[in-house]
Amino acid sequence: MFEVHQHLIAKEGVYILENMVTEELARDEADEFMFVLGHAKIKGAVQMIINPVAIR
């Protein structure tokens, strides 16, 4: 189950950011910003709650 998640996240370190809320960035017409994403604290996890930050 969720083989893509297991491969991308746990084995390759690629995060799937499918549930990001970007409405505020679009409303503010933020076309340039620095995106910061901390890494998951649990090795081998396939799902993690993380707090991405966009700095204008």
C-alpha atoms as a PDB file:
ATOM      1  CA  MET A   1       0.000   0.000   0.000  1.00  0.00           C
ATOM      2  CA  PHE A   2       1.273   3.502  -0.920  1.00  0.00           C
ATOM      3  CA  GLU A   3       4.380   2.122  -2.589  1.00  0.00           C
ATOM      4  CA  VAL A   4       5.126   5.469  -4.240  1.00  0.00           C
ATOM      5  CA  HIS A   5       5.185   7.181  -0.842  1.00  0.00           C
ATOM      6  CA  GLN A   6       7.486   4.535   0.586  1.00  0.00           C
ATOM      7  CA  HIS A   7       9.894   4.868  -2.305  1.00  0.00           C
ATOM      8  CA  LEU A   8       9.911   8.656  -2.696  1.00  0.00           C
ATOM      9  CA  ILE A   9       9.924   9.674   0.961  1.00  0.00           C
ATOM     10  CA  ALA A  10      11.673   6.901   2.862  1.00  0.00           C
ATOM     11  CA  LYS A  11      14.185   5.771   0.244  1.00  0.00           C
ATOM     12  CA  GLU A  12      14.817   8.917  -1.843  1.00  0.00           C
ATOM     13  CA  GLY A  13      14.044  11.730   0.613  1.00  0.00           C
ATOM     14  CA  VAL A  14      11.538  13.360  -1.762  1.00  0.00           C
ATOM     15  CA  TYR A  15       8.543  14.912  -0.023  1.00  0.00           C
ATOM     16  CA  ILE A  16       5.083  14.865  -1.594  1.00  0.00           C
ATOM     17  CA  LEU A  17       3.512  18.234  -0.805  1.00  0.00           C
ATOM     18  CA  GLU A  18      -0.012  17.572  -2.007  1.00  0.00           C
ATOM     19  CA  ASN A  19      -1.959  19.220   0.833  1.00  0.00           C
ATOM     20  CA  MET A  20      -0.257  22.614   0.994  1.00  0.00           C
ATOM     21  CA  VAL A  21      -2.515  25.623   1.481  1.00  0.00           C
ATOM     22  CA  THR A  22      -1.368  28.328  -0.929  1.00  0.00           C
ATOM     23  CA  GLU A  23      -4.455  30.559  -1.132  1.00  0.00           C
ATOM     24  CA  GLU A  24      -2.870  33.351   0.935  1.00  0.00           C
ATOM     25  CA  LEU A  25       0.202  33.464  -1.315  1.00  0.00           C
ATOM     26  CA  ALA A  26      -2.022  33.665  -4.391  1.00  0.00           C
ATOM     27  CA  ARG A  27      -4.260  36.323  -2.824  1.00  0.00           C
ATOM     28  CA  ASP A  28      -1.184  38.437  -1.932  1.00  0.00           C
ATOM     29  CA  GLU A  29       0.151  37.916  -5.479  1.00  0.00           C
ATOM     30  CA  ALA A  30       3.401  36.608  -4.009  1.00  0.00           C
ATOM     31  CA  ASP A  31       5.297  35.672  -7.147  1.00  0.00           C
ATOM     32  CA  GLU A  32       8.693  35.496  -5.400  1.00  0.00           C
ATOM     33  CA  PHE A  33       9.389  33.989  -2.005  1.00  0.00           C
ATOM     34  CA  MET A  34      11.817  31.697  -0.218  1.00  0.00           C
ATOM     35  CA  PHE A  35      10.305  28.316   0.560  1.00  0.00           C
ATOM     36  CA  VAL A  36      11.627  26.562   3.682  1.00  0.00           C
ATOM     37  CA  LEU A  37      10.717  22.998   4.571  1.00  0.00           C
ATOM     38  CA  GLY A  38      12.141  21.220   7.589  1.00  0.00           C
ATOM     39  CA  HIS A  39      12.843  17.510   7.336  1.00  0.00           C
ATOM     40  CA  ALA A  40      10.876  14.754   9.019  1.00  0.00           C
ATOM     41  CA  LYS A  41      12.295  13.802  12.413  1.00  0.00           C
ATOM     42  CA  ILE A  42      11.572  10.075  12.070  1.00  0.00           C
ATOM     43  CA  LYS A  43      13.811   8.040   9.764  1.00  0.00           C
ATOM     44  CA  GLY A  44      11.915   5.780   7.370  1.00  0.00           C
ATOM     45  CA  ALA A  45       8.541   7.461   7.884  1.00  0.00           C
ATOM     46  CA  VAL A  46       6.139   7.576   4.953  1.00  0.00           C
ATOM     47  CA  GLN A  47       3.860  10.271   6.376  1.00  0.00           C
ATOM     48  CA  MET A  48       4.724  13.245   8.546  1.00  0.00           C
ATOM     49  CA  ILE A  49       3.169  16.530   9.620  1.00  0.00           C
ATOM     50  CA  ILE A  50       5.602  19.293   8.677  1.00  0.00           C
ATOM     51  CA  ASN A  51       5.406  23.084   8.746  1.00  0.00           C
ATOM     52  CA  PRO A  52       6.538  24.656   5.470  1.00  0.00           C
ATOM     53  CA  VAL A  53       7.203  28.411   5.497  1.00  0.00           C
ATOM     54  CA  ALA A  54       7.131  30.935   2.648  1.00  0.00           C
ATOM     55  CA  ILE A  55       9.155  34.093   3.402  1.00  0.00           C
ATOM     56  CA  ARG A  56       8.555  37.145   1.199  1.00  0.00           C
END
